[in-house]
C-alpha cells in the first residue's frame, strides 16, 4: 500500500505545480509561460501547434516582455546556432499595416522593428523575431516560410505538458 501512496502523492504534487505554474520545460515571465519549439513550421501551422497545447504564438506587450523573449531565444540559439528566426504571434493579414496579436486580438502598442520594417516585401504579413549576434529585432515575413516559434500561455491555464 505504501508503494502506491507515494507515487500517487508525487503525481498530485506535479499536477498542482502544473496547474499553478508553468508546465515542465516552459519558461515563466509575468504570469505567462513560454516554450520554443525545436521544429520549423509556417506561421499558421506554428499557431495551430501552439493551440494544440492550449497556447498561442507569443504576444509582446512591452519592452520587458521583449527582453525576456530575447533572453530565452538567445539561450535556445546558443544550443542551435543556425536557428536565428522565430515566429511570434503578430500579423497584418487582414488589413495591411494594421498589426494585431493573434492571441489577444489587440493592435500592437509596443514594437521592436528593424529599421525599414515592416516593409511588406512580397506580401509579408507575419511577425518574425530575428537574433543576430547581440542584436534582436522584428521583421515581417511571408507567412509560408518555415521557422522555429515561441508559444505563450497564461500561467496555470492548463497548458499541456511537453517533455
N, C-alpha and C. Protein backbone atom coordinates (compact mmCIF):
# COMPACT_ATOMS: atom_id res chain seq x y z
N UNK A 1 0.82 -1.20 0.00
CA UNK A 1 0.00 0.00 0.00
C UNK A 1 0.86 1.26 0.00
N UNK A 2 1.94 1.25 0.80
CA UNK A 2 2.83 2.41 0.86
C UNK A 2 3.49 2.66 -0.49
N UNK A 3 3.69 1.58 -1.25
CA UNK A 3 4.29 1.73 -2.57
C UNK A 3 3.37 2.47 -3.53
N UNK A 4 2.08 2.40 -3.34
CA UNK A 4 1.11 3.08 -4.18
C UNK A 4 0.88 4.52 -3.74
N UNK A 5 0.93 4.77 -2.45
CA UNK A 5 0.63 6.09 -1.91
C UNK A 5 1.66 7.12 -2.38
N UNK A 6 2.93 6.76 -2.29
CA UNK A 6 3.98 7.71 -2.65
C UNK A 6 3.89 8.14 -4.13
N UNK A 7 3.79 7.21 -5.10
CA UNK A 7 3.66 7.67 -6.50
C UNK A 7 2.41 8.53 -6.74
N UNK A 8 1.32 8.19 -6.07
CA UNK A 8 0.10 8.98 -6.22
C UNK A 8 0.32 10.39 -5.68
N UNK A 9 0.97 10.52 -4.53
CA UNK A 9 1.25 11.84 -3.97
C UNK A 9 2.19 12.64 -4.86
N UNK A 10 3.18 11.99 -5.44
CA UNK A 10 4.10 12.67 -6.36
C UNK A 10 3.33 13.17 -7.58
N UNK A 11 2.46 12.35 -8.13
CA UNK A 11 1.66 12.76 -9.30
C UNK A 11 0.76 13.94 -8.96
N UNK A 12 0.15 13.91 -7.79
CA UNK A 12 -0.71 15.00 -7.37
C UNK A 12 0.11 16.29 -7.21
N UNK A 13 1.28 16.18 -6.59
CA UNK A 13 2.14 17.36 -6.41
C UNK A 13 2.56 17.94 -7.75
N UNK A 14 2.90 17.09 -8.71
CA UNK A 14 3.29 17.56 -10.04
C UNK A 14 2.11 18.21 -10.74
N UNK A 15 0.93 17.63 -10.61
CA UNK A 15 -0.26 18.20 -11.24
C UNK A 15 -0.58 19.57 -10.66
N UNK A 16 -0.44 19.73 -9.35
CA UNK A 16 -0.69 21.02 -8.72
C UNK A 16 0.33 22.05 -9.22
N UNK A 17 1.60 21.64 -9.36
CA UNK A 17 2.62 22.56 -9.86
C UNK A 17 2.28 23.02 -11.27
N UNK A 18 1.83 22.11 -12.13
CA UNK A 18 1.47 22.47 -13.50
C UNK A 18 0.27 23.40 -13.51
N UNK A 19 -0.72 23.14 -12.66
CA UNK A 19 -1.91 23.98 -12.61
C UNK A 19 -1.56 25.37 -12.12
N UNK A 20 -0.68 25.47 -11.12
CA UNK A 20 -0.33 26.77 -10.55
C UNK A 20 0.75 27.50 -11.34
N UNK A 21 1.63 26.76 -11.96
CA UNK A 21 2.76 27.38 -12.63
C UNK A 21 2.85 26.96 -14.07
N UNK A 22 4.06 26.92 -14.57
CA UNK A 22 4.29 26.56 -15.96
C UNK A 22 4.52 25.06 -16.11
N UNK A 23 4.12 24.51 -17.24
CA UNK A 23 4.39 23.11 -17.50
C UNK A 23 5.89 22.84 -17.57
N UNK A 24 6.26 21.62 -17.41
CA UNK A 24 7.66 21.21 -17.47
C UNK A 24 8.29 21.66 -18.79
N UNK A 25 9.42 22.36 -18.70
CA UNK A 25 10.14 22.79 -19.88
C UNK A 25 9.76 24.17 -20.38
N UNK A 26 8.68 24.75 -19.84
CA UNK A 26 8.25 26.09 -20.24
C UNK A 26 8.93 27.11 -19.33
N UNK A 27 9.19 28.29 -19.86
CA UNK A 27 9.81 29.39 -19.10
C UNK A 27 8.71 30.33 -18.61
N UNK A 28 8.88 30.88 -17.40
CA UNK A 28 7.85 31.74 -16.84
C UNK A 28 8.29 33.20 -16.82
N UNK A 29 7.34 34.07 -17.09
CA UNK A 29 7.57 35.51 -17.01
C UNK A 29 6.24 36.23 -16.87
N UNK A 30 6.11 37.02 -15.83
CA UNK A 30 4.99 37.94 -15.65
C UNK A 30 3.61 37.30 -15.89
N UNK A 31 3.41 36.13 -15.30
CA UNK A 31 2.11 35.48 -15.37
C UNK A 31 1.87 34.64 -16.61
N UNK A 32 2.89 34.49 -17.47
CA UNK A 32 2.76 33.66 -18.66
C UNK A 32 3.88 32.63 -18.71
N UNK A 33 3.66 31.61 -19.51
CA UNK A 33 4.65 30.56 -19.74
C UNK A 33 4.99 30.55 -21.23
N UNK A 34 6.26 30.29 -21.55
CA UNK A 34 6.74 30.36 -22.93
C UNK A 34 7.53 29.10 -23.26
N UNK A 35 7.40 28.67 -24.52
CA UNK A 35 8.14 27.49 -24.96
C UNK A 35 8.58 27.70 -26.41
N UNK A 36 9.84 27.40 -26.69
CA UNK A 36 10.37 27.48 -28.05
C UNK A 36 10.37 26.08 -28.62
N UNK A 37 9.68 25.90 -29.73
CA UNK A 37 9.60 24.59 -30.36
C UNK A 37 10.81 24.35 -31.26
N UNK A 38 11.32 23.15 -31.20
CA UNK A 38 12.50 22.74 -31.97
C UNK A 38 12.08 22.15 -33.31
N UNK A 39 11.08 22.75 -33.92
CA UNK A 39 10.64 22.37 -35.26
C UNK A 39 10.40 23.65 -36.04
N UNK A 40 10.49 23.56 -37.33
CA UNK A 40 10.25 24.72 -38.19
C UNK A 40 8.94 24.50 -38.94
N UNK A 41 8.05 25.50 -38.84
CA UNK A 41 6.76 25.41 -39.49
C UNK A 41 6.39 26.78 -40.06
N UNK A 42 5.49 26.80 -41.05
CA UNK A 42 4.92 28.08 -41.47
C UNK A 42 4.15 28.71 -40.31
N UNK A 43 3.89 30.01 -40.39
CA UNK A 43 3.27 30.74 -39.28
C UNK A 43 1.94 30.12 -38.85
N UNK A 44 1.07 29.81 -39.80
CA UNK A 44 -0.25 29.27 -39.45
C UNK A 44 -0.13 27.89 -38.79
N UNK A 45 0.74 27.04 -39.30
CA UNK A 45 0.95 25.72 -38.69
C UNK A 45 1.56 25.87 -37.29
N UNK A 46 2.47 26.84 -37.13
CA UNK A 46 3.04 27.10 -35.81
C UNK A 46 1.95 27.53 -34.84
N UNK A 47 1.04 28.39 -35.31
CA UNK A 47 -0.08 28.82 -34.49
C UNK A 47 -0.95 27.64 -34.08
N UNK A 48 -1.20 26.74 -35.02
CA UNK A 48 -2.00 25.55 -34.74
C UNK A 48 -1.30 24.64 -33.74
N UNK A 49 0.01 24.51 -33.88
CA UNK A 49 0.77 23.70 -32.91
C UNK A 49 0.65 24.30 -31.52
N UNK A 50 0.80 25.61 -31.40
CA UNK A 50 0.63 26.26 -30.10
C UNK A 50 -0.77 25.99 -29.55
N UNK A 51 -1.79 26.13 -30.40
CA UNK A 51 -3.17 25.89 -29.97
C UNK A 51 -3.36 24.48 -29.45
N UNK A 52 -2.65 23.52 -30.02
CA UNK A 52 -2.81 22.14 -29.56
C UNK A 52 -2.28 21.95 -28.14
N UNK A 53 -1.49 22.90 -27.66
CA UNK A 53 -1.01 22.90 -26.28
C UNK A 53 -1.76 23.93 -25.44
N UNK A 54 -2.92 24.36 -25.91
CA UNK A 54 -3.75 25.37 -25.23
C UNK A 54 -2.99 26.68 -25.07
N UNK A 55 -2.14 26.99 -26.04
CA UNK A 55 -1.31 28.20 -26.04
C UNK A 55 -1.54 28.95 -27.35
N UNK A 56 -0.79 30.02 -27.55
CA UNK A 56 -0.83 30.80 -28.79
C UNK A 56 0.58 31.29 -29.08
N UNK A 57 0.83 31.67 -30.33
CA UNK A 57 2.11 32.29 -30.63
C UNK A 57 2.26 33.52 -29.74
N UNK A 58 3.48 33.75 -29.26
CA UNK A 58 3.72 34.78 -28.25
C UNK A 58 3.33 36.18 -28.70
N UNK A 59 2.61 36.89 -27.81
CA UNK A 59 2.31 38.31 -27.94
C UNK A 59 3.39 39.06 -27.14
N UNK A 60 3.70 40.27 -27.54
CA UNK A 60 4.68 41.08 -26.82
C UNK A 60 4.02 42.39 -26.41
N UNK A 61 3.81 42.54 -25.11
CA UNK A 61 3.09 43.71 -24.60
C UNK A 61 3.99 44.92 -24.38
N UNK A 62 5.27 44.68 -24.01
CA UNK A 62 6.14 45.80 -23.66
C UNK A 62 7.60 45.41 -23.79
N UNK A 63 8.48 46.37 -23.51
CA UNK A 63 9.92 46.15 -23.64
C UNK A 63 10.41 45.06 -22.69
N UNK A 64 9.79 44.93 -21.51
CA UNK A 64 10.22 43.92 -20.55
C UNK A 64 9.97 42.51 -21.08
N UNK A 65 8.79 42.31 -21.66
CA UNK A 65 8.48 41.00 -22.25
C UNK A 65 9.38 40.75 -23.47
N UNK A 66 9.63 41.77 -24.25
CA UNK A 66 10.52 41.64 -25.41
C UNK A 66 11.92 41.24 -24.95
N UNK A 67 12.42 41.86 -23.88
CA UNK A 67 13.74 41.50 -23.35
C UNK A 67 13.77 40.08 -22.83
N UNK A 68 12.67 39.65 -22.19
CA UNK A 68 12.59 38.27 -21.73
C UNK A 68 12.65 37.30 -22.91
N UNK A 69 11.88 37.59 -23.96
CA UNK A 69 11.91 36.73 -25.15
C UNK A 69 13.31 36.70 -25.76
N UNK A 70 13.97 37.83 -25.77
CA UNK A 70 15.35 37.88 -26.26
C UNK A 70 16.23 36.92 -25.46
N UNK A 71 16.06 36.90 -24.14
CA UNK A 71 16.85 36.01 -23.28
C UNK A 71 16.60 34.54 -23.60
N UNK A 72 15.32 34.14 -23.69
CA UNK A 72 15.06 32.72 -23.91
C UNK A 72 15.41 32.31 -25.34
N UNK A 73 15.22 33.22 -26.30
CA UNK A 73 15.60 32.90 -27.67
C UNK A 73 17.12 32.81 -27.77
N UNK A 74 17.83 33.70 -27.08
CA UNK A 74 19.29 33.66 -27.08
C UNK A 74 19.80 32.36 -26.45
N UNK A 75 19.16 31.93 -25.37
CA UNK A 75 19.54 30.67 -24.72
C UNK A 75 19.31 29.50 -25.67
N UNK A 76 18.18 29.48 -26.35
CA UNK A 76 17.89 28.43 -27.33
C UNK A 76 18.89 28.49 -28.48
N UNK A 77 19.14 29.71 -28.98
CA UNK A 77 20.05 29.92 -30.11
C UNK A 77 21.45 29.43 -29.79
N UNK A 78 21.88 29.57 -28.53
CA UNK A 78 23.21 29.13 -28.11
C UNK A 78 23.41 27.64 -28.40
N UNK A 79 22.38 26.84 -28.20
CA UNK A 79 22.44 25.40 -28.47
C UNK A 79 22.10 25.04 -29.91
N UNK A 80 21.55 25.99 -30.65
CA UNK A 80 21.13 25.79 -32.04
C UNK A 80 21.55 27.01 -32.85
N UNK A 81 22.87 27.19 -33.08
CA UNK A 81 23.34 28.45 -33.68
C UNK A 81 22.81 28.75 -35.07
N UNK A 82 22.33 27.75 -35.79
CA UNK A 82 21.80 28.04 -37.13
C UNK A 82 20.36 28.54 -37.08
N UNK A 83 19.70 28.43 -35.94
CA UNK A 83 18.32 28.91 -35.79
C UNK A 83 18.36 30.36 -35.31
N UNK A 84 18.02 31.30 -36.20
CA UNK A 84 18.09 32.72 -35.86
C UNK A 84 16.76 33.44 -36.02
N UNK A 85 15.76 32.76 -36.56
CA UNK A 85 14.44 33.36 -36.78
C UNK A 85 13.38 32.58 -36.02
N UNK A 86 12.43 33.32 -35.41
CA UNK A 86 11.40 32.71 -34.58
C UNK A 86 10.09 33.46 -34.78
N UNK A 87 9.04 32.69 -35.13
CA UNK A 87 7.72 33.30 -35.28
C UNK A 87 7.20 33.79 -33.94
N UNK A 88 6.57 34.97 -33.96
CA UNK A 88 5.78 35.47 -32.85
C UNK A 88 4.35 35.61 -33.36
N UNK A 89 3.42 36.03 -32.51
CA UNK A 89 2.01 35.98 -32.85
C UNK A 89 1.42 37.16 -33.60
N UNK A 90 2.23 38.08 -34.07
CA UNK A 90 1.70 39.24 -34.77
C UNK A 90 1.50 39.02 -36.25
N UNK A 91 0.49 39.72 -36.80
CA UNK A 91 0.26 39.65 -38.25
C UNK A 91 -0.56 40.86 -38.69
N UNK A 92 -0.48 41.15 -40.01
CA UNK A 92 -1.34 42.17 -40.62
C UNK A 92 -2.02 41.57 -41.85
N UNK A 93 -2.51 40.34 -41.70
CA UNK A 93 -3.12 39.59 -42.81
C UNK A 93 -4.40 40.23 -43.33
N UNK A 94 -5.16 40.84 -42.46
CA UNK A 94 -6.48 41.31 -42.85
C UNK A 94 -6.46 42.74 -43.37
N UNK A 95 -5.66 43.60 -42.75
CA UNK A 95 -5.52 44.98 -43.20
C UNK A 95 -4.03 45.30 -43.21
N UNK A 96 -3.48 45.56 -44.38
CA UNK A 96 -2.06 45.84 -44.49
C UNK A 96 -1.67 47.02 -43.60
N UNK A 97 -0.65 46.79 -42.78
CA UNK A 97 -0.15 47.83 -41.88
C UNK A 97 -0.86 47.90 -40.54
N UNK A 98 -1.94 47.15 -40.37
CA UNK A 98 -2.68 47.11 -39.12
C UNK A 98 -2.28 45.83 -38.38
N UNK A 99 -1.20 45.93 -37.61
CA UNK A 99 -0.63 44.76 -36.95
C UNK A 99 -1.39 44.43 -35.67
N UNK A 100 -1.80 43.17 -35.55
CA UNK A 100 -2.53 42.69 -34.37
C UNK A 100 -1.89 41.40 -33.86
N UNK A 101 -2.14 41.14 -32.59
CA UNK A 101 -1.67 39.89 -31.97
C UNK A 101 -2.76 38.84 -32.12
N UNK A 102 -2.39 37.69 -32.65
CA UNK A 102 -3.36 36.61 -32.84
C UNK A 102 -3.93 36.13 -31.51
N UNK A 103 -3.09 36.04 -30.49
CA UNK A 103 -3.54 35.53 -29.19
C UNK A 103 -4.60 36.39 -28.54
N UNK A 104 -4.38 37.70 -28.51
CA UNK A 104 -5.30 38.61 -27.81
C UNK A 104 -6.23 39.36 -28.76
N UNK A 105 -5.85 39.46 -30.03
CA UNK A 105 -6.63 40.26 -30.98
C UNK A 105 -6.37 41.76 -30.87
N UNK A 106 -5.46 42.16 -29.95
CA UNK A 106 -5.15 43.58 -29.76
C UNK A 106 -4.15 44.08 -30.79
N UNK A 107 -4.29 45.37 -31.13
CA UNK A 107 -3.30 46.01 -32.00
C UNK A 107 -1.99 46.18 -31.23
N UNK A 108 -0.90 46.27 -31.99
CA UNK A 108 0.41 46.49 -31.38
C UNK A 108 0.43 47.83 -30.64
N UNK A 109 0.89 47.82 -29.41
CA UNK A 109 1.16 49.05 -28.67
C UNK A 109 2.67 49.25 -28.52
N UNK A 110 3.39 48.16 -28.54
CA UNK A 110 4.85 48.17 -28.44
C UNK A 110 5.39 47.48 -29.69
N UNK A 111 6.49 47.99 -30.25
CA UNK A 111 7.14 47.33 -31.38
C UNK A 111 8.66 47.38 -31.21
N UNK A 112 9.33 46.51 -31.91
CA UNK A 112 10.79 46.48 -31.92
C UNK A 112 11.26 46.16 -33.34
N UNK A 113 10.73 46.89 -34.31
CA UNK A 113 11.03 46.64 -35.72
C UNK A 113 12.48 47.00 -36.04
N UNK A 114 13.10 46.23 -36.90
CA UNK A 114 14.36 46.59 -37.52
C UNK A 114 14.09 47.81 -38.39
N UNK A 115 15.07 48.71 -38.52
CA UNK A 115 14.90 49.89 -39.36
C UNK A 115 14.46 49.45 -40.76
N UNK A 116 13.43 50.09 -41.29
CA UNK A 116 12.91 49.74 -42.61
C UNK A 116 11.84 48.68 -42.60
N UNK A 117 11.54 48.11 -41.43
CA UNK A 117 10.49 47.10 -41.28
C UNK A 117 9.30 47.73 -40.56
N UNK A 118 8.14 47.21 -40.71
CA UNK A 118 7.76 46.20 -41.70
C UNK A 118 7.71 46.83 -43.09
N UNK A 119 8.05 46.02 -44.09
CA UNK A 119 8.12 46.56 -45.44
C UNK A 119 7.16 45.89 -46.43
N UNK A 120 6.47 44.84 -46.00
CA UNK A 120 5.52 44.12 -46.83
C UNK A 120 6.12 43.68 -48.17
N UNK A 121 7.39 43.40 -48.19
CA UNK A 121 8.06 42.93 -49.40
C UNK A 121 7.47 41.57 -49.80
N UNK A 122 6.91 41.47 -50.98
CA UNK A 122 6.31 40.22 -51.47
C UNK A 122 5.18 39.71 -50.58
N UNK A 123 4.39 40.61 -50.01
CA UNK A 123 3.23 40.20 -49.22
C UNK A 123 3.58 39.63 -47.87
N UNK A 124 4.54 40.22 -47.19
CA UNK A 124 4.94 39.73 -45.87
C UNK A 124 3.93 40.20 -44.83
N UNK A 125 3.25 39.25 -44.19
CA UNK A 125 2.17 39.58 -43.26
C UNK A 125 2.35 38.99 -41.86
N UNK A 126 3.45 38.31 -41.59
CA UNK A 126 3.61 37.66 -40.29
C UNK A 126 4.87 38.14 -39.59
N UNK A 127 4.81 38.18 -38.26
CA UNK A 127 5.88 38.73 -37.43
C UNK A 127 6.92 37.68 -37.10
N UNK A 128 8.16 38.06 -37.32
CA UNK A 128 9.30 37.20 -37.08
C UNK A 128 10.28 37.95 -36.19
N UNK A 129 10.78 37.28 -35.16
CA UNK A 129 11.88 37.86 -34.38
C UNK A 129 13.17 37.29 -34.95
N UNK A 130 14.21 38.11 -34.94
CA UNK A 130 15.49 37.72 -35.52
C UNK A 130 16.59 38.03 -34.52
N UNK A 131 17.41 37.04 -34.24
CA UNK A 131 18.57 37.25 -33.38
C UNK A 131 19.80 37.18 -34.26
N UNK A 132 20.64 38.20 -34.16
CA UNK A 132 21.86 38.28 -34.96
C UNK A 132 22.96 38.84 -34.08
N UNK A 133 23.86 37.98 -33.63
CA UNK A 133 24.88 38.42 -32.67
C UNK A 133 24.20 38.88 -31.39
N UNK A 134 24.45 40.11 -31.00
CA UNK A 134 23.81 40.66 -29.80
C UNK A 134 22.55 41.44 -30.14
N UNK A 135 22.22 41.54 -31.42
CA UNK A 135 21.04 42.29 -31.85
C UNK A 135 19.80 41.39 -31.88
N UNK A 136 18.69 41.96 -31.53
CA UNK A 136 17.41 41.25 -31.52
C UNK A 136 16.36 42.23 -31.98
N UNK A 137 15.63 41.89 -33.04
CA UNK A 137 14.64 42.81 -33.59
C UNK A 137 13.58 42.04 -34.35
N UNK A 138 12.56 42.78 -34.80
CA UNK A 138 11.44 42.18 -35.52
C UNK A 138 11.50 42.50 -37.00
N UNK A 139 10.95 41.59 -37.79
CA UNK A 139 10.79 41.75 -39.23
C UNK A 139 9.43 41.20 -39.63
N UNK A 140 8.93 41.62 -40.79
CA UNK A 140 7.75 40.94 -41.34
C UNK A 140 8.27 39.96 -42.39
N UNK A 141 7.59 38.82 -42.51
CA UNK A 141 7.99 37.77 -43.45
C UNK A 141 6.77 37.13 -44.06
N UNK A 142 7.01 36.40 -45.17
CA UNK A 142 5.93 35.63 -45.78
C UNK A 142 5.51 34.56 -44.78
N UNK A 143 4.23 34.43 -44.57
CA UNK A 143 3.70 33.51 -43.57
C UNK A 143 3.96 32.05 -43.92
N UNK A 144 4.30 31.76 -45.17
CA UNK A 144 4.52 30.38 -45.60
C UNK A 144 5.95 29.91 -45.35
N UNK A 145 6.86 30.82 -44.97
CA UNK A 145 8.23 30.41 -44.65
C UNK A 145 8.23 29.59 -43.37
N UNK A 146 9.19 28.70 -43.24
CA UNK A 146 9.25 27.81 -42.08
C UNK A 146 10.35 28.24 -41.12
N UNK A 147 9.93 28.49 -39.86
CA UNK A 147 10.86 28.89 -38.81
C UNK A 147 10.44 28.25 -37.49
N UNK A 148 11.37 28.28 -36.52
CA UNK A 148 11.02 27.92 -35.16
C UNK A 148 10.01 28.95 -34.65
N UNK A 149 9.43 28.72 -33.49
CA UNK A 149 8.41 29.63 -32.99
C UNK A 149 8.32 29.57 -31.48
N UNK A 150 7.73 30.62 -30.92
CA UNK A 150 7.58 30.75 -29.48
C UNK A 150 6.10 30.74 -29.14
N UNK A 151 5.69 29.81 -28.29
CA UNK A 151 4.31 29.74 -27.81
C UNK A 151 4.22 30.37 -26.42
N UNK A 152 3.05 30.90 -26.12
CA UNK A 152 2.78 31.52 -24.83
C UNK A 152 1.43 31.05 -24.31
N UNK A 153 1.36 30.87 -23.00
CA UNK A 153 0.10 30.54 -22.35
C UNK A 153 0.10 31.19 -20.98
N UNK A 154 -1.05 31.60 -20.49
CA UNK A 154 -1.13 32.16 -19.15
C UNK A 154 -0.77 31.09 -18.14
N UNK A 155 0.01 31.45 -17.16
CA UNK A 155 0.43 30.52 -16.11
C UNK A 155 -0.80 29.96 -15.41
N UNK A 156 -0.84 28.63 -15.25
CA UNK A 156 -1.95 28.00 -14.57
C UNK A 156 -3.18 27.77 -15.43
N UNK A 157 -3.08 28.01 -16.74
CA UNK A 157 -4.26 27.87 -17.58
C UNK A 157 -4.44 26.45 -18.10
N UNK A 158 -3.52 25.56 -17.75
CA UNK A 158 -3.71 24.16 -18.15
C UNK A 158 -3.03 23.79 -19.45
N UNK A 159 -1.92 24.42 -19.78
CA UNK A 159 -1.17 24.04 -20.99
C UNK A 159 -0.73 22.60 -20.86
N UNK A 160 -0.71 21.91 -21.96
CA UNK A 160 -0.27 20.52 -21.97
C UNK A 160 1.21 20.44 -21.68
N UNK A 161 1.60 19.42 -20.94
CA UNK A 161 3.00 19.23 -20.57
C UNK A 161 3.76 18.68 -21.77
N UNK A 162 4.93 19.26 -22.00
CA UNK A 162 5.82 18.81 -23.08
C UNK A 162 7.06 18.24 -22.42
N UNK A 163 7.50 17.11 -22.90
CA UNK A 163 8.75 16.54 -22.39
C UNK A 163 8.54 15.43 -21.42
